[in-house]
Amino acid sequence: AELGVTVKCHLKIDTGLGRYGFMPSE
């Protein structure tokens, strides 16, 4: 928003590595 752009994104799901990502319960 500050830069006036739209950022493309990939959603990350955490299936057991325990680092980045939404838990399946989230």
PDB file of all heavy atoms in Angstrom:
ATOM      1  N   ALA A   1       0.835  -1.204   0.000  1.00  0.00           N
ATOM      2  CA  ALA A   1       0.000   0.000   0.000  1.00  0.00           C
ATOM      3  C   ALA A   1       0.868   1.253   0.000  1.00  0.00           C
ATOM      4  O   ALA A   1       0.591   2.223  -0.708  1.00  0.00           O
ATOM      5  CB  ALA A   1      -0.924  -0.015   1.215  1.00  0.00           C
ATOM      6  N   GLU A   2       1.934   1.240   0.790  1.00  0.00           N
ATOM      7  CA  GLU A   2       2.839   2.383   0.872  1.00  0.00           C
ATOM      8  C   GLU A   2       3.494   2.681  -0.479  1.00  0.00           C
ATOM      9  O   GLU A   2       3.704   3.845  -0.852  1.00  0.00           O
ATOM     10  CB  GLU A   2       3.909   2.116   1.925  1.00  0.00           C
ATOM     11  CG  GLU A   2       4.882   3.265   2.135  1.00  0.00           C
ATOM     12  CD  GLU A   2       5.918   2.955   3.201  1.00  0.00           C
ATOM     13  OE1 GLU A   2       5.652   2.115   4.083  1.00  0.00           O
ATOM     14  OE2 GLU A   2       7.013   3.552   3.141  1.00  0.00           O
ATOM     15  N   LEU A   3       3.797   1.605  -1.223  1.00  0.00           N
ATOM     16  CA  LEU A   3       4.453   1.749  -2.518  1.00  0.00           C
ATOM     17  C   LEU A   3       3.466   1.911  -3.670  1.00  0.00           C
ATOM     18  O   LEU A   3       3.865   2.176  -4.807  1.00  0.00           O
ATOM     19  CB  LEU A   3       5.358   0.533  -2.784  1.00  0.00           C
ATOM     20  CG  LEU A   3       6.563   0.379  -1.853  1.00  0.00           C
ATOM     21  CD1 LEU A   3       7.185  -1.003  -2.009  1.00  0.00           C
ATOM     22  CD2 LEU A   3       7.599   1.462  -2.145  1.00  0.00           C
ATOM     23  N   GLY A   4       2.197   1.705  -3.384  1.00  0.00           N
ATOM     24  CA  GLY A   4       1.174   1.809  -4.421  1.00  0.00           C
ATOM     25  C   GLY A   4       1.222   0.678  -5.425  1.00  0.00           C
ATOM     26  O   GLY A   4       0.975   0.869  -6.626  1.00  0.00           O
ATOM     27  N   VAL A   5       1.541  -0.545  -4.943  1.00  0.00           N
ATOM     28  CA  VAL A   5       1.627  -1.704  -5.831  1.00  0.00           C
ATOM     29  C   VAL A   5       0.791  -2.853  -5.271  1.00  0.00           C
ATOM     30  O   VAL A   5       0.350  -2.818  -4.120  1.00  0.00           O
ATOM     31  CB  VAL A   5       3.090  -2.177  -5.997  1.00  0.00           C
ATOM     32  CG1 VAL A   5       3.943  -1.081  -6.620  1.00  0.00           C
ATOM     33  CG2 VAL A   5       3.679  -2.639  -4.660  1.00  0.00           C
ATOM     34  N   THR A   6       0.593  -3.844  -6.108  1.00  0.00           N
ATOM     35  CA  THR A   6      -0.009  -5.096  -5.669  1.00  0.00           C
ATOM     36  C   THR A   6       1.075  -6.160  -5.700  1.00  0.00           C
ATOM     37  O   THR A   6       1.781  -6.313  -6.699  1.00  0.00           O
ATOM     38  CB  THR A   6      -1.170  -5.520  -6.592  1.00  0.00           C
ATOM     39  OG1 THR A   6      -2.188  -4.515  -6.544  1.00  0.00           O
ATOM     40  CG2 THR A   6      -1.749  -6.861  -6.159  1.00  0.00           C
ATOM     41  N   VAL A   7       1.243  -6.881  -4.611  1.00  0.00           N
ATOM     42  CA  VAL A   7       2.297  -7.882  -4.506  1.00  0.00           C
ATOM     43  C   VAL A   7       1.719  -9.273  -4.748  1.00  0.00           C
ATOM     44  O   VAL A   7       0.742  -9.669  -4.105  1.00  0.00           O
ATOM     45  CB  VAL A   7       2.963  -7.836  -3.116  1.00  0.00           C
ATOM     46  CG1 VAL A   7       4.000  -8.963  -2.977  1.00  0.00           C
ATOM     47  CG2 VAL A   7       3.621  -6.487  -2.884  1.00  0.00           C
ATOM     48  N   LYS A   8       2.330  -9.981  -5.686  1.00  0.00           N
ATOM     49  CA  LYS A   8       1.948 -11.378  -5.896  1.00  0.00           C
ATOM     50  C   LYS A   8       2.475 -12.208  -4.730  1.00  0.00           C
ATOM     51  O   LYS A   8       3.591 -11.969  -4.239  1.00  0.00           O
ATOM     52  CB  LYS A   8       2.519 -11.894  -7.216  1.00  0.00           C
ATOM     53  CG  LYS A   8       1.880 -11.263  -8.445  1.00  0.00           C
ATOM     54  CD  LYS A   8       2.437 -11.872  -9.727  1.00  0.00           C
ATOM     55  CE  LYS A   8       1.758 -11.252 -10.944  1.00  0.00           C
ATOM     56  NZ  LYS A   8       2.297 -11.817 -12.215  1.00  0.00           N
ATOM     57  N   CYS A   9       1.685 -13.182  -4.303  1.00  0.00           N
ATOM     58  CA  CYS A   9       2.044 -13.969  -3.127  1.00  0.00           C
ATOM     59  C   CYS A   9       1.751 -15.451  -3.332  1.00  0.00           C
ATOM     60  O   CYS A   9       0.838 -15.818  -4.081  1.00  0.00           O
ATOM     61  CB  CYS A   9       1.249 -13.511  -1.900  1.00  0.00           C
ATOM     62  SG  CYS A   9       1.424 -11.765  -1.486  1.00  0.00           S
ATOM     63  N   HIS A  10       2.535 -16.291  -2.647  1.00  0.00           N
ATOM     64  CA  HIS A  10       2.228 -17.708  -2.515  1.00  0.00           C
ATOM     65  C   HIS A  10       1.992 -17.982  -1.037  1.00  0.00           C
ATOM     66  O   HIS A  10       2.811 -17.590  -0.189  1.00  0.00           O
ATOM     67  CB  HIS A  10       3.375 -18.577  -3.024  1.00  0.00           C
ATOM     68  CG  HIS A  10       3.460 -18.655  -4.515  1.00  0.00           C
ATOM     69  ND1 HIS A  10       4.189 -19.632  -5.174  1.00  0.00           N
ATOM     70  CD2 HIS A  10       2.901 -17.892  -5.486  1.00  0.00           C
ATOM     71  CE1 HIS A  10       4.088 -19.439  -6.479  1.00  0.00           C
ATOM     72  NE2 HIS A  10       3.310 -18.390  -6.689  1.00  0.00           N
ATOM     73  N   LEU A  11       0.886 -18.613  -0.736  1.00  0.00           N
ATOM     74  CA  LEU A  11       0.562 -18.974   0.643  1.00  0.00           C
ATOM     75  C   LEU A  11       1.394 -20.189   1.040  1.00  0.00           C
ATOM     76  O   LEU A  11       1.543 -21.128   0.261  1.00  0.00           O
ATOM     77  CB  LEU A  11      -0.924 -19.292   0.772  1.00  0.00           C
ATOM     78  CG  LEU A  11      -1.448 -19.445   2.206  1.00  0.00           C
ATOM     79  CD1 LEU A  11      -1.686 -18.065   2.807  1.00  0.00           C
ATOM     80  CD2 LEU A  11      -2.736 -20.262   2.224  1.00  0.00           C
ATOM     81  N   LYS A  12       1.933 -20.178   2.246  1.00  0.00           N
ATOM     82  CA  LYS A  12       2.734 -21.308   2.728  1.00  0.00           C
ATOM     83  C   LYS A  12       1.965 -22.061   3.806  1.00  0.00           C
ATOM     84  O   LYS A  12       1.456 -21.466   4.764  1.00  0.00           O
ATOM     85  CB  LYS A  12       4.054 -20.791   3.299  1.00  0.00           C
ATOM     86  CG  LYS A  12       4.955 -21.867   3.916  1.00  0.00           C
ATOM     87  CD  LYS A  12       5.571 -22.759   2.852  1.00  0.00           C
ATOM     88  CE  LYS A  12       6.482 -23.821   3.473  1.00  0.00           C
ATOM     89  NZ  LYS A  12       7.694 -23.267   4.084  1.00  0.00           N
ATOM     90  N   ILE A  13       1.896 -23.392   3.638  1.00  0.00           N
ATOM     91  CA  ILE A  13       1.250 -24.268   4.616  1.00  0.00           C
ATOM     92  C   ILE A  13       2.326 -25.090   5.314  1.00  0.00           C
ATOM     93  O   ILE A  13       3.184 -25.687   4.660  1.00  0.00           O
ATOM     94  CB  ILE A  13       0.234 -25.218   3.937  1.00  0.00           C
ATOM     95  CG1 ILE A  13      -0.799 -24.431   3.126  1.00  0.00           C
ATOM     96  CG2 ILE A  13      -0.442 -26.108   4.980  1.00  0.00           C
ATOM     97  CD1 ILE A  13      -1.652 -23.499   3.938  1.00  0.00           C
ATOM     98  N   ASP A  14       2.296 -25.129   6.640  1.00  0.00           N
ATOM     99  CA  ASP A  14       3.247 -25.925   7.419  1.00  0.00           C
ATOM    100  C   ASP A  14       2.657 -27.305   7.672  1.00  0.00           C
ATOM    101  O   ASP A  14       1.722 -27.459   8.452  1.00  0.00           O
ATOM    102  CB  ASP A  14       3.538 -25.227   8.750  1.00  0.00           C
ATOM    103  CG  ASP A  14       4.535 -25.986   9.615  1.00  0.00           C
ATOM    104  OD1 ASP A  14       5.024 -27.040   9.169  1.00  0.00           O
ATOM    105  OD2 ASP A  14       4.809 -25.527  10.736  1.00  0.00           O
ATOM    106  N   THR A  15       3.202 -28.309   6.988  1.00  0.00           N
ATOM    107  CA  THR A  15       2.695 -29.672   7.159  1.00  0.00           C
ATOM    108  C   THR A  15       3.601 -30.525   8.038  1.00  0.00           C
ATOM    109  O   THR A  15       3.468 -31.750   8.072  1.00  0.00           O
ATOM    110  CB  THR A  15       2.531 -30.357   5.784  1.00  0.00           C
ATOM    111  OG1 THR A  15       3.781 -30.286   5.077  1.00  0.00           O
ATOM    112  CG2 THR A  15       1.435 -29.685   4.975  1.00  0.00           C
ATOM    113  N   GLY A  16       4.536 -29.885   8.744  1.00  0.00           N
ATOM    114  CA  GLY A  16       5.360 -30.658   9.665  1.00  0.00           C
ATOM    115  C   GLY A  16       6.805 -30.232   9.785  1.00  0.00           C
ATOM    116  O   GLY A  16       7.545 -30.780  10.609  1.00  0.00           O
ATOM    117  N   LEU A  17       7.247 -29.240   9.019  1.00  0.00           N
ATOM    118  CA  LEU A  17       8.624 -28.791   9.126  1.00  0.00           C
ATOM    119  C   LEU A  17       8.816 -27.865  10.323  1.00  0.00           C
ATOM    120  O   LEU A  17       9.896 -27.799  10.916  1.00  0.00           O
ATOM    121  CB  LEU A  17       9.059 -28.092   7.837  1.00  0.00           C
ATOM    122  CG  LEU A  17      10.534 -27.709   7.727  1.00  0.00           C
ATOM    123  CD1 LEU A  17      11.430 -28.945   7.845  1.00  0.00           C
ATOM    124  CD2 LEU A  17      10.806 -27.001   6.408  1.00  0.00           C
ATOM    125  N   GLY A  18       7.770 -27.113  10.672  1.00  0.00           N
ATOM    126  CA  GLY A  18       7.833 -26.287  11.873  1.00  0.00           C
ATOM    127  C   GLY A  18       8.510 -24.947  11.691  1.00  0.00           C
ATOM    128  O   GLY A  18       8.904 -24.330  12.683  1.00  0.00           O
ATOM    129  N   ARG A  19       8.639 -24.489  10.442  1.00  0.00           N
ATOM    130  CA  ARG A  19       9.226 -23.168  10.223  1.00  0.00           C
ATOM    131  C   ARG A  19       8.112 -22.230   9.754  1.00  0.00           C
ATOM    132  O   ARG A  19       7.210 -21.904  10.506  1.00  0.00           O
ATOM    133  CB  ARG A  19      10.382 -23.259   9.205  1.00  0.00           C
ATOM    134  CG  ARG A  19      11.529 -24.121   9.706  1.00  0.00           C
ATOM    135  CD  ARG A  19      12.798 -24.000   8.867  1.00  0.00           C
ATOM    136  NE  ARG A  19      12.576 -24.200   7.447  1.00  0.00           N
ATOM    137  CZ  ARG A  19      13.522 -24.589   6.600  1.00  0.00           C
ATOM    138  NH1 ARG A  19      14.738 -24.830   7.052  1.00  0.00           N
ATOM    139  NH2 ARG A  19      13.252 -24.738   5.322  1.00  0.00           N
ATOM    140  N   TYR A  20       8.190 -21.761   8.519  1.00  0.00           N
ATOM    141  CA  TYR A  20       7.175 -20.852   8.003  1.00  0.00           C
ATOM    142  C   TYR A  20       5.898 -21.604   7.636  1.00  0.00           C
ATOM    143  O   TYR A  20       5.923 -22.761   7.268  1.00  0.00           O
ATOM    144  CB  TYR A  20       7.685 -20.137   6.743  1.00  0.00           C
ATOM    145  CG  TYR A  20       9.019 -19.455   6.911  1.00  0.00           C
ATOM    146  CD1 TYR A  20      10.117 -19.837   6.147  1.00  0.00           C
ATOM    147  CD2 TYR A  20       9.183 -18.424   7.823  1.00  0.00           C
ATOM    148  CE1 TYR A  20      11.347 -19.201   6.286  1.00  0.00           C
ATOM    149  CE2 TYR A  20      10.401 -17.784   7.971  1.00  0.00           C
ATOM    150  CZ  TYR A  20      11.484 -18.183   7.201  1.00  0.00           C
ATOM    151  OH  TYR A  20      12.688 -17.558   7.343  1.00  0.00           O
ATOM    152  N   GLY A  21       4.775 -20.894   7.719  1.00  0.00           N
ATOM    153  CA  GLY A  21       3.538 -21.451   7.194  1.00  0.00           C
ATOM    154  C   GLY A  21       2.413 -21.555   8.202  1.00  0.00           C
ATOM    155  O   GLY A  21       2.628 -21.689   9.407  1.00  0.00           O
ATOM    156  N   PHE A  22       1.195 -21.506   7.658  1.00  0.00           N
ATOM    157  CA  PHE A  22       0.001 -21.700   8.466  1.00  0.00           C
ATOM    158  C   PHE A  22      -0.138 -23.180   8.803  1.00  0.00           C
ATOM    159  O   PHE A  22       0.013 -24.049   7.937  1.00  0.00           O
ATOM    160  CB  PHE A  22      -1.247 -21.253   7.700  1.00  0.00           C
ATOM    161  CG  PHE A  22      -1.353 -19.766   7.508  1.00  0.00           C
ATOM    162  CD1 PHE A  22      -0.823 -19.159   6.377  1.00  0.00           C
ATOM    163  CD2 PHE A  22      -1.987 -18.976   8.453  1.00  0.00           C
ATOM    164  CE1 PHE A  22      -0.925 -17.789   6.189  1.00  0.00           C
ATOM    165  CE2 PHE A  22      -2.098 -17.600   8.281  1.00  0.00           C
ATOM    166  CZ  PHE A  22      -1.558 -17.006   7.143  1.00  0.00           C
ATOM    167  N   MET A  23      -0.454 -23.467  10.043  1.00  0.00           N
ATOM    168  CA  MET A  23      -0.784 -24.834  10.423  1.00  0.00           C
ATOM    169  C   MET A  23      -2.109 -25.212   9.764  1.00  0.00           C
ATOM    170  O   MET A  23      -2.957 -24.349   9.536  1.00  0.00           O
ATOM    171  CB  MET A  23      -0.909 -24.951  11.936  1.00  0.00           C
ATOM    172  CG  MET A  23       0.343 -24.553  12.694  1.00  0.00           C
ATOM    173  SD  MET A  23       1.663 -25.767  12.537  1.00  0.00           S
ATOM    174  CE  MET A  23       1.026 -27.049  13.616  1.00  0.00           C
ATOM    175  N   PRO A  24      -2.319 -26.489   9.450  1.00  0.00           N
ATOM    176  CA  PRO A  24      -3.604 -26.896   8.868  1.00  0.00           C
ATOM    177  C   PRO A  24      -4.802 -26.483   9.722  1.00  0.00           C
ATOM    178  O   PRO A  24      -5.889 -26.238   9.199  1.00  0.00           O
ATOM    179  CB  PRO A  24      -3.469 -28.415   8.786  1.00  0.00           C
ATOM    180  CG  PRO A  24      -2.000 -28.637   8.606  1.00  0.00           C
ATOM    181  CD  PRO A  24      -1.353 -27.595   9.471  1.00  0.00           C
ATOM    182  N   SER A  25      -4.592 -26.363  11.023  1.00  0.00           N
ATOM    183  CA  SER A  25      -5.673 -25.934  11.924  1.00  0.00           C
ATOM    184  C   SER A  25      -5.955 -24.439  11.833  1.00  0.00           C
ATOM    185  O   SER A  25      -6.917 -23.945  12.424  1.00  0.00           O
ATOM    186  CB  SER A  25      -5.328 -26.309  13.364  1.00  0.00           C
ATOM    187  OG  SER A  25      -4.120 -25.672  13.773  1.00  0.00           O
ATOM    188  N   GLU A  26      -5.107 -23.704  11.106  1.00  0.00           N
ATOM    189  CA  GLU A  26      -5.240 -22.253  10.982  1.00  0.00           C
ATOM    190  C   GLU A  26      -5.803 -21.830   9.627  1.00  0.00           C
ATOM    191  O   GLU A  26      -5.528 -20.732   9.146  1.00  0.00           O
ATOM    192  CB  GLU A  26      -3.875 -21.587  11.198  1.00  0.00           C
ATOM    193  CG  GLU A  26      -3.294 -21.833  12.585  1.00  0.00           C
ATOM    194  CD  GLU A  26      -1.883 -21.272  12.748  1.00  0.00           C
ATOM    195  OE1 GLU A  26      -1.095 -21.366  11.776  1.00  0.00           O
ATOM    196  OE2 GLU A  26      -1.584 -20.742  13.837  1.00  0.00           O
TER     197      GLU A  26
END
